[in-house]
C-alpha cells in the first residue's frame, strides 16, 4: 500500500472531508498538523509547489492536491490506483 501523508490544521472542514474520504477507502495515512509549526508548513508549501492552504495530500512523496483535488481524482476513478487499492 502507498505511503499517504496529509497536512492539516484542526477544525478545518476541508481537512476533515479529505480524511473522511481516505478513511472510507480503508487506507492508513500520516497526518501532519501544520497549525503551530511554521517549519512544517514551509516544508508542505515547498513540496506542494507553493500551495499553502490545507489540506495538502501526498502519495509516495507525490503531491496529489488538496481536498478538491483528491475528490476529483476519486470521481474520475483514478484515486484507488494512486492509493494502491482496488482491482
PDB file of N, CA and C in Angstrom:
ATOM      1  N   UNK A   1       0.840  -1.178   0.000  1.00  0.00           N
ATOM      2  CA  UNK A   1       0.000   0.000   0.000  1.00  0.00           C
ATOM      3  C   UNK A   1       0.889   1.247   0.000  1.00  0.00           C
ATOM      4  N   UNK A   2       0.360   2.313  -0.499  1.00  0.00           N
ATOM      5  CA  UNK A   2       1.110   3.552  -0.657  1.00  0.00           C
ATOM      6  C   UNK A   2       1.333   4.257   0.682  1.00  0.00           C
ATOM      7  N   UNK A   3       2.369   5.084   0.715  1.00  0.00           N
ATOM      8  CA  UNK A   3       2.634   5.951   1.864  1.00  0.00           C
ATOM      9  C   UNK A   3       1.859   7.253   1.641  1.00  0.00           C
ATOM     10  N   UNK A   4       0.851   7.485   2.461  1.00  0.00           N
ATOM     11  CA  UNK A   4      -0.033   8.627   2.292  1.00  0.00           C
ATOM     12  C   UNK A   4       0.181   9.602   3.449  1.00  0.00           C
ATOM     13  N   UNK A   5       0.433  10.862   3.090  1.00  0.00           N
ATOM     14  CA  UNK A   5       0.602  11.917   4.084  1.00  0.00           C
ATOM     15  C   UNK A   5      -0.387  13.039   3.786  1.00  0.00           C
ATOM     16  N   UNK A   6      -0.992  13.566   4.839  1.00  0.00           N
ATOM     17  CA  UNK A   6      -1.908  14.677   4.685  1.00  0.00           C
ATOM     18  C   UNK A   6      -1.534  15.758   5.699  1.00  0.00           C
ATOM     19  N   UNK A   7      -1.356  16.954   5.203  1.00  0.00           N
ATOM     20  CA  UNK A   7      -1.010  18.108   6.026  1.00  0.00           C
ATOM     21  C   UNK A   7      -2.294  18.868   6.321  1.00  0.00           C
ATOM     22  N   UNK A   8      -2.563  19.097   7.615  1.00  0.00           N
ATOM     23  CA  UNK A   8      -3.843  19.623   8.052  1.00  0.00           C
ATOM     24  C   UNK A   8      -3.681  20.686   9.131  1.00  0.00           C
ATOM     25  N   UNK A   9      -4.823  21.254   9.504  1.00  0.00           N
ATOM     26  CA  UNK A   9      -4.946  22.059  10.721  1.00  0.00           C
ATOM     27  C   UNK A   9      -6.222  21.600  11.425  1.00  0.00           C
ATOM     28  N   UNK A  10      -6.292  21.805  12.751  1.00  0.00           N
ATOM     29  CA  UNK A  10      -7.506  21.425  13.470  1.00  0.00           C
ATOM     30  C   UNK A  10      -8.699  22.270  13.010  1.00  0.00           C
ATOM     31  N   UNK A  11      -9.858  21.705  13.089  1.00  0.00           N
ATOM     32  CA  UNK A  11     -11.121  22.394  12.807  1.00  0.00           C
ATOM     33  C   UNK A  11     -11.275  22.813  11.346  1.00  0.00           C
ATOM     34  N   UNK A  12     -10.457  22.290  10.470  1.00  0.00           N
ATOM     35  CA  UNK A  12     -10.541  22.607   9.042  1.00  0.00           C
ATOM     36  C   UNK A  12     -11.552  21.659   8.401  1.00  0.00           C
ATOM     37  N   UNK A  13     -12.675  22.175   7.894  1.00  0.00           N
ATOM     38  CA  UNK A  13     -13.683  21.276   7.311  1.00  0.00           C
ATOM     39  C   UNK A  13     -13.187  20.563   6.055  1.00  0.00           C
ATOM     40  N   UNK A  14     -12.306  21.196   5.293  1.00  0.00           N
ATOM     41  CA  UNK A  14     -11.762  20.557   4.092  1.00  0.00           C
ATOM     42  C   UNK A  14     -10.816  19.423   4.472  1.00  0.00           C
ATOM     43  N   UNK A  15     -10.061  19.627   5.544  1.00  0.00           N
ATOM     44  CA  UNK A  15      -9.176  18.565   6.036  1.00  0.00           C
ATOM     45  C   UNK A  15     -10.013  17.376   6.495  1.00  0.00           C
ATOM     46  N   UNK A  16     -11.079  17.657   7.238  1.00  0.00           N
ATOM     47  CA  UNK A  16     -11.958  16.589   7.732  1.00  0.00           C
ATOM     48  C   UNK A  16     -12.573  15.822   6.565  1.00  0.00           C
ATOM     49  N   UNK A  17     -12.972  16.537   5.529  1.00  0.00           N
ATOM     50  CA  UNK A  17     -13.587  15.904   4.357  1.00  0.00           C
ATOM     51  C   UNK A  17     -12.581  14.998   3.629  1.00  0.00           C
ATOM     52  N   UNK A  18     -11.348  15.474   3.472  1.00  0.00           N
ATOM     53  CA  UNK A  18     -10.313  14.673   2.805  1.00  0.00           C
ATOM     54  C   UNK A  18      -9.963  13.443   3.642  1.00  0.00           C
ATOM     55  N   UNK A  19      -9.837  13.610   4.950  1.00  0.00           N
ATOM     56  CA  UNK A  19      -9.528  12.477   5.824  1.00  0.00           C
ATOM     57  C   UNK A  19     -10.670  11.465   5.829  1.00  0.00           C
ATOM     58  N   UNK A  20     -11.901  11.948   5.753  1.00  0.00           N
ATOM     59  CA  UNK A  20     -13.055  11.052   5.709  1.00  0.00           C
ATOM     60  C   UNK A  20     -13.012  10.187   4.452  1.00  0.00           C
ATOM     61  N   UNK A  21     -12.654  10.781   3.324  1.00  0.00           N
ATOM     62  CA  UNK A  21     -12.545  10.020   2.081  1.00  0.00           C
ATOM     63  C   UNK A  21     -11.449   8.964   2.190  1.00  0.00           C
ATOM     64  N   UNK A  22     -10.286   9.355   2.700  1.00  0.00           N
ATOM     65  CA  UNK A  22      -9.194   8.389   2.851  1.00  0.00           C
ATOM     66  C   UNK A  22      -9.589   7.256   3.789  1.00  0.00           C
ATOM     67  N   UNK A  23     -10.262   7.600   4.890  1.00  0.00           N
ATOM     68  CA  UNK A  23     -10.711   6.571   5.831  1.00  0.00           C
ATOM     69  C   UNK A  23     -11.730   5.646   5.188  1.00  0.00           C
ATOM     70  N   UNK A  24     -12.629   6.213   4.403  1.00  0.00           N
ATOM     71  CA  UNK A  24     -13.638   5.399   3.706  1.00  0.00           C
ATOM     72  C   UNK A  24     -12.987   4.439   2.723  1.00  0.00           C
ATOM     73  N   UNK A  25     -11.837   4.826   2.196  1.00  0.00           N
ATOM     74  CA  UNK A  25     -11.098   3.954   1.280  1.00  0.00           C
ATOM     75  C   UNK A  25     -10.358   2.855   2.034  1.00  0.00           C
ATOM     76  N   UNK A  26     -10.301   2.973   3.364  1.00  0.00           N
ATOM     77  CA  UNK A  26      -9.650   1.959   4.181  1.00  0.00           C
ATOM     78  C   UNK A  26      -8.138   2.033   4.180  1.00  0.00           C
ATOM     79  N   UNK A  27      -7.598   3.197   3.837  1.00  0.00           N
ATOM     80  CA  UNK A  27      -6.143   3.337   3.807  1.00  0.00           C
ATOM     81  C   UNK A  27      -5.644   4.035   5.072  1.00  0.00           C
ATOM     82  N   UNK A  28      -4.447   3.684   5.448  1.00  0.00           N
ATOM     83  CA  UNK A  28      -3.799   4.365   6.568  1.00  0.00           C
ATOM     84  C   UNK A  28      -3.051   5.560   6.022  1.00  0.00           C
ATOM     85  N   UNK A  29      -3.045   6.631   6.803  1.00  0.00           N
ATOM     86  CA  UNK A  29      -2.325   7.824   6.390  1.00  0.00           C
ATOM     87  C   UNK A  29      -1.692   8.473   7.611  1.00  0.00           C
ATOM     88  N   UNK A  30      -0.664   9.255   7.341  1.00  0.00           N
ATOM     89  CA  UNK A  30       0.004  10.016   8.381  1.00  0.00           C
ATOM     90  C   UNK A  30      -0.472  11.447   8.276  1.00  0.00           C
ATOM     91  N   UNK A  31      -0.956  11.965   9.399  1.00  0.00           N
ATOM     92  CA  UNK A  31      -1.449  13.346   9.431  1.00  0.00           C
ATOM     93  C   UNK A  31      -0.405  14.238  10.082  1.00  0.00           C
ATOM     94  N   UNK A  32      -0.130  15.370   9.443  1.00  0.00           N
ATOM     95  CA  UNK A  32       0.806  16.358   9.970  1.00  0.00           C
ATOM     96  C   UNK A  32       0.033  17.654  10.232  1.00  0.00           C
ATOM     97  N   UNK A  33      -0.016  18.073  11.483  1.00  0.00           N
ATOM     98  CA  UNK A  33      -0.704  19.313  11.854  1.00  0.00           C
ATOM     99  C   UNK A  33       0.277  20.473  11.701  1.00  0.00           C
ATOM    100  N   UNK A  34      -0.015  21.379  10.777  1.00  0.00           N
ATOM    101  CA  UNK A  34       0.900  22.489  10.487  1.00  0.00           C
ATOM    102  C   UNK A  34       0.531  23.780  11.222  1.00  0.00           C
ATOM    103  N   UNK A  35      -0.534  23.744  12.028  1.00  0.00           N
ATOM    104  CA  UNK A  35      -1.030  24.973  12.648  1.00  0.00           C
ATOM    105  C   UNK A  35       0.016  25.681  13.500  1.00  0.00           C
ATOM    106  N   UNK A  36       0.678  24.973  14.347  1.00  0.00           N
ATOM    107  CA  UNK A  36       1.630  25.586  15.272  1.00  0.00           C
ATOM    108  C   UNK A  36       3.084  25.346  14.869  1.00  0.00           C
ATOM    109  N   UNK A  37       3.297  24.875  13.659  1.00  0.00           N
ATOM    110  CA  UNK A  37       4.647  24.541  13.235  1.00  0.00           C
ATOM    111  C   UNK A  37       4.930  25.203  11.886  1.00  0.00           C
ATOM    112  N   UNK A  38       5.489  26.404  11.934  1.00  0.00           N
ATOM    113  CA  UNK A  38       5.739  27.139  10.690  1.00  0.00           C
ATOM    114  C   UNK A  38       6.758  26.423   9.801  1.00  0.00           C
ATOM    115  N   UNK A  39       7.677  25.702  10.387  1.00  0.00           N
ATOM    116  CA  UNK A  39       8.657  24.953   9.610  1.00  0.00           C
ATOM    117  C   UNK A  39       8.001  23.830   8.821  1.00  0.00           C
ATOM    118  N   UNK A  40       7.050  23.168   9.437  1.00  0.00           N
ATOM    119  CA  UNK A  40       6.335  22.092   8.762  1.00  0.00           C
ATOM    120  C   UNK A  40       5.446  22.645   7.644  1.00  0.00           C
ATOM    121  N   UNK A  41       4.828  23.794   7.898  1.00  0.00           N
ATOM    122  CA  UNK A  41       4.008  24.420   6.845  1.00  0.00           C
ATOM    123  C   UNK A  41       4.896  24.839   5.672  1.00  0.00           C
ATOM    124  N   UNK A  42       6.087  25.351   5.980  1.00  0.00           N
ATOM    125  CA  UNK A  42       7.016  25.754   4.919  1.00  0.00           C
ATOM    126  C   UNK A  42       7.436  24.534   4.102  1.00  0.00           C
ATOM    127  N   UNK A  43       7.704  23.423   4.781  1.00  0.00           N
ATOM    128  CA  UNK A  43       8.066  22.177   4.090  1.00  0.00           C
ATOM    129  C   UNK A  43       6.913  21.743   3.179  1.00  0.00           C
ATOM    130  N   UNK A  44       5.674  21.764   3.722  1.00  0.00           N
ATOM    131  CA  UNK A  44       4.495  21.381   2.941  1.00  0.00           C
ATOM    132  C   UNK A  44       4.350  22.268   1.715  1.00  0.00           C
ATOM    133  N   UNK A  45       4.481  23.565   1.909  1.00  0.00           N
ATOM    134  CA  UNK A  45       4.331  24.522   0.816  1.00  0.00           C
ATOM    135  C   UNK A  45       5.363  24.263  -0.275  1.00  0.00           C
ATOM    136  N   UNK A  46       6.585  23.981   0.119  1.00  0.00           N
ATOM    137  CA  UNK A  46       7.631  23.668  -0.858  1.00  0.00           C
ATOM    138  C   UNK A  46       7.341  22.397  -1.632  1.00  0.00           C
ATOM    139  N   UNK A  47       6.894  21.375  -0.922  1.00  0.00           N
ATOM    140  CA  UNK A  47       6.578  20.097  -1.568  1.00  0.00           C
ATOM    141  C   UNK A  47       5.349  20.213  -2.472  1.00  0.00           C
ATOM    142  N   UNK A  48       4.448  21.160  -2.136  1.00  0.00           N
ATOM    143  CA  UNK A  48       3.188  21.312  -2.874  1.00  0.00           C
ATOM    144  C   UNK A  48       3.278  22.371  -3.962  1.00  0.00           C
ATOM    145  N   UNK A  49       4.485  22.749  -4.354  1.00  0.00           N
ATOM    146  CA  UNK A  49       4.652  23.706  -5.441  1.00  0.00           C
ATOM    147  C   UNK A  49       4.126  25.092  -5.134  1.00  0.00           C
ATOM    148  N   UNK A  50       4.166  25.471  -3.852  1.00  0.00           N
ATOM    149  CA  UNK A  50       3.733  26.803  -3.438  1.00  0.00           C
ATOM    150  C   UNK A  50       2.363  26.859  -2.811  1.00  0.00           C
ATOM    151  N   UNK A  51       1.604  25.785  -2.875  1.00  0.00           N
ATOM    152  CA  UNK A  51       0.275  25.764  -2.253  1.00  0.00           C
ATOM    153  C   UNK A  51       0.427  25.772  -0.737  1.00  0.00           C
ATOM    154  N   UNK A  52      -0.202  26.747  -0.082  1.00  0.00           N
ATOM    155  CA  UNK A  52      -0.046  26.863   1.365  1.00  0.00           C
ATOM    156  C   UNK A  52      -1.329  26.578   2.131  1.00  0.00           C
ATOM    157  N   UNK A  53      -2.429  26.340   1.414  1.00  0.00           N
ATOM    158  CA  UNK A  53      -3.682  26.020   2.100  1.00  0.00           C
ATOM    159  C   UNK A  53      -3.680  24.551   2.507  1.00  0.00           C
ATOM    160  N   UNK A  54      -4.533  24.231   3.459  1.00  0.00           N
ATOM    161  CA  UNK A  54      -4.667  22.842   3.886  1.00  0.00           C
ATOM    162  C   UNK A  54      -6.055  22.347   3.517  1.00  0.00           C
ATOM    163  N   UNK A  55      -6.181  21.068   3.290  1.00  0.00           N
ATOM    164  CA  UNK A  55      -5.147  20.051   3.352  1.00  0.00           C
ATOM    165  C   UNK A  55      -4.318  19.999   2.067  1.00  0.00           C
ATOM    166  N   UNK A  56      -3.150  19.448   2.193  1.00  0.00           N
ATOM    167  CA  UNK A  56      -2.329  19.077   1.038  1.00  0.00           C
ATOM    168  C   UNK A  56      -2.016  17.606   1.223  1.00  0.00           C
ATOM    169  N   UNK A  57      -2.185  16.840   0.160  1.00  0.00           N
ATOM    170  CA  UNK A  57      -2.095  15.390   0.246  1.00  0.00           C
ATOM    171  C   UNK A  57      -0.998  14.885  -0.685  1.00  0.00           C
ATOM    172  N   UNK A  58      -0.212  13.952  -0.154  1.00  0.00           N
ATOM    173  CA  UNK A  58       0.912  13.383  -0.883  1.00  0.00           C
ATOM    174  C   UNK A  58       0.820  11.860  -0.827  1.00  0.00           C
ATOM    175  N   UNK A  59       1.079  11.217  -1.951  1.00  0.00           N
ATOM    176  CA  UNK A  59       1.102   9.762  -2.022  1.00  0.00           C
ATOM    177  C   UNK A  59       2.471   9.357  -2.548  1.00  0.00           C
ATOM    178  N   UNK A  60       3.184   8.593  -1.741  1.00  0.00           N
ATOM    179  CA  UNK A  60       4.554   8.179  -2.070  1.00  0.00           C
ATOM    180  C   UNK A  60       5.408   9.381  -2.472  1.00  0.00           C
ATOM    181  N   UNK A  61       5.223  10.497  -1.759  1.00  0.00           N
ATOM    182  CA  UNK A  61       6.015  11.695  -1.983  1.00  0.00           C
ATOM    183  C   UNK A  61       5.547  12.571  -3.125  1.00  0.00           C
ATOM    184  N   UNK A  62       4.523  12.135  -3.858  1.00  0.00           N
ATOM    185  CA  UNK A  62       3.998  12.911  -4.976  1.00  0.00           C
ATOM    186  C   UNK A  62       2.774  13.696  -4.524  1.00  0.00           C
ATOM    187  N   UNK A  63       2.778  14.988  -4.801  1.00  0.00           N
ATOM    188  CA  UNK A  63       1.658  15.847  -4.432  1.00  0.00           C
ATOM    189  C   UNK A  63       0.455  15.514  -5.306  1.00  0.00           C
ATOM    190  N   UNK A  64      -0.654  15.134  -4.663  1.00  0.00           N
ATOM    191  CA  UNK A  64      -1.852  14.847  -5.450  1.00  0.00           C
ATOM    192  C   UNK A  64      -2.923  15.917  -5.271  1.00  0.00           C
ATOM    193  N   UNK A  65      -2.656  16.911  -4.448  1.00  0.00           N
ATOM    194  CA  UNK A  65      -3.565  18.039  -4.374  1.00  0.00           C
ATOM    195  C   UNK A  65      -4.176  18.284  -3.021  1.00  0.00           C
ATOM    196  N   UNK A  66      -5.241  19.064  -3.067  1.00  0.00           N
ATOM    197  CA  UNK A  66      -5.966  19.464  -1.868  1.00  0.00           C
ATOM    198  C   UNK A  66      -7.256  18.650  -1.769  1.00  0.00           C
ATOM    199  N   UNK A  67      -8.202  19.120  -0.972  1.00  0.00           N
ATOM    200  CA  UNK A  67      -9.468  18.410  -0.801  1.00  0.00           C
ATOM    201  C   UNK A  67     -10.202  18.264  -2.126  1.00  0.00           C
ATOM    202  N   UNK A  68     -10.316  19.350  -2.865  1.00  0.00           N
ATOM    203  CA  UNK A  68     -10.998  19.279  -4.163  1.00  0.00           C
ATOM    204  C   UNK A  68     -10.270  18.317  -5.103  1.00  0.00           C
ATOM    205  N   UNK A  69      -8.946  18.367  -5.071  1.00  0.00           N
ATOM    206  CA  UNK A  69      -8.152  17.517  -5.954  1.00  0.00           C
ATOM    207  C   UNK A  69      -8.338  16.038  -5.674  1.00  0.00           C
ATOM    208  N   UNK A  70      -8.349  15.658  -4.403  1.00  0.00           N
ATOM    209  CA  UNK A  70      -8.489  14.237  -4.068  1.00  0.00           C
ATOM    210  C   UNK A  70      -9.893  13.743  -4.413  1.00  0.00           C
ATOM    211  N   UNK A  71     -10.892  14.595  -4.202  1.00  0.00           N
ATOM    212  CA  UNK A  71     -12.251  14.203  -4.566  1.00  0.00           C
ATOM    213  C   UNK A  71     -12.430  14.145  -6.094  1.00  0.00           C
ATOM    214  N   UNK A  72     -11.755  15.020  -6.802  1.00  0.00           N
ATOM    215  CA  UNK A  72     -11.803  14.993  -8.271  1.00  0.00           C
ATOM    216  C   UNK A  72     -11.194  13.685  -8.792  1.00  0.00           C
ATOM    217  N   UNK A  73     -10.041  13.310  -8.217  1.00  0.00           N
ATOM    218  CA  UNK A  73      -9.410  12.050  -8.618  1.00  0.00           C
ATOM    219  C   UNK A  73     -10.331  10.869  -8.334  1.00  0.00           C
ATOM    220  N   UNK A  74     -11.022  10.909  -7.216  1.00  0.00           N
ATOM    221  CA  UNK A  74     -11.954   9.831  -6.879  1.00  0.00           C
ATOM    222  C   UNK A  74     -13.103   9.780  -7.884  1.00  0.00           C
ATOM    223  N   UNK A  75     -13.664  10.932  -8.220  1.00  0.00           N
ATOM    224  CA  UNK A  75     -14.773  10.990  -9.179  1.00  0.00           C
ATOM    225  C   UNK A  75     -14.345  10.499 -10.567  1.00  0.00           C
ATOM    226  N   UNK A  76     -13.081  10.703 -10.903  1.00  0.00           N
ATOM    227  CA  UNK A  76     -12.555  10.264 -12.197  1.00  0.00           C
ATOM    228  C   UNK A  76     -12.150   8.790 -12.186  1.00  0.00           C
ATOM    229  N   UNK A  77     -12.241   8.154 -11.017  1.00  0.00           N
ATOM    230  CA  UNK A  77     -11.864   6.749 -10.911  1.00  0.00           C
ATOM    231  C   UNK A  77     -10.370   6.524 -10.856  1.00  0.00           C
ATOM    232  N   UNK A  78      -9.605   7.550 -10.540  1.00  0.00           N
ATOM    233  CA  UNK A  78      -8.138   7.451 -10.541  1.00  0.00           C
ATOM    234  C   UNK A  78      -7.534   7.328  -9.145  1.00  0.00           C
ATOM    235  N   UNK A  79      -8.304   7.613  -8.108  1.00  0.00           N
ATOM    236  CA  UNK A  79      -7.739   7.673  -6.761  1.00  0.00           C
ATOM    237  C   UNK A  79      -7.310   6.308  -6.256  1.00  0.00           C
ATOM    238  N   UNK A  80      -8.133   5.288  -6.435  1.00  0.00           N
ATOM    239  CA  UNK A  80      -7.806   3.955  -5.894  1.00  0.00           C
ATOM    240  C   UNK A  80      -6.454   3.464  -6.392  1.00  0.00           C
ATOM    241  N   UNK A  81      -6.177   3.638  -7.665  1.00  0.00           N
ATOM    242  CA  UNK A  81      -4.893   3.187  -8.216  1.00  0.00           C
ATOM    243  C   UNK A  81      -3.738   3.942  -7.573  1.00  0.00           C
ATOM    244  N   UNK A  82      -3.913   5.258  -7.361  1.00  0.00           N
ATOM    245  CA  UNK A  82      -2.862   6.049  -6.715  1.00  0.00           C
ATOM    246  C   UNK A  82      -2.614   5.590  -5.290  1.00  0.00           C
ATOM    247  N   UNK A  83      -3.697   5.208  -4.619  1.00  0.00           N
ATOM    248  CA  UNK A  83      -3.596   4.757  -3.222  1.00  0.00           C
ATOM    249  C   UNK A  83      -3.128   3.319  -3.102  1.00  0.00           C
ATOM    250  N   UNK A  84      -3.082   2.617  -4.236  1.00  0.00           N
ATOM    251  CA  UNK A  84      -2.634   1.223  -4.218  1.00  0.00           C
ATOM    252  C   UNK A  84      -3.710   0.271  -3.721  1.00  0.00           C
ATOM    253  N   UNK A  85      -4.969   0.611  -3.973  1.00  0.00           N
ATOM    254  CA  UNK A  85      -6.065  -0.258  -3.541  1.00  0.00           C
ATOM    255  C   UNK A  85      -6.942  -0.605  -4.745  1.00  0.00           C
ATOM    256  N   UNK A  86      -7.847  -1.542  -4.546  1.00  0.00           N
ATOM    257  CA  UNK A  86      -8.781  -1.896  -5.629  1.00  0.00           C
ATOM    258  C   UNK A  86      -8.247  -3.010  -6.487  1.00  0.00           C
ATOM    259  N   UNK A  87      -8.889  -3.146  -7.617  1.00  0.00           N
ATOM    260  CA  UNK A  87      -8.576  -4.257  -8.539  1.00  0.00           C
ATOM    261  C   UNK A  87      -7.254  -4.133  -9.109  1.00  0.00           C
TER     262      UNK A  87
END
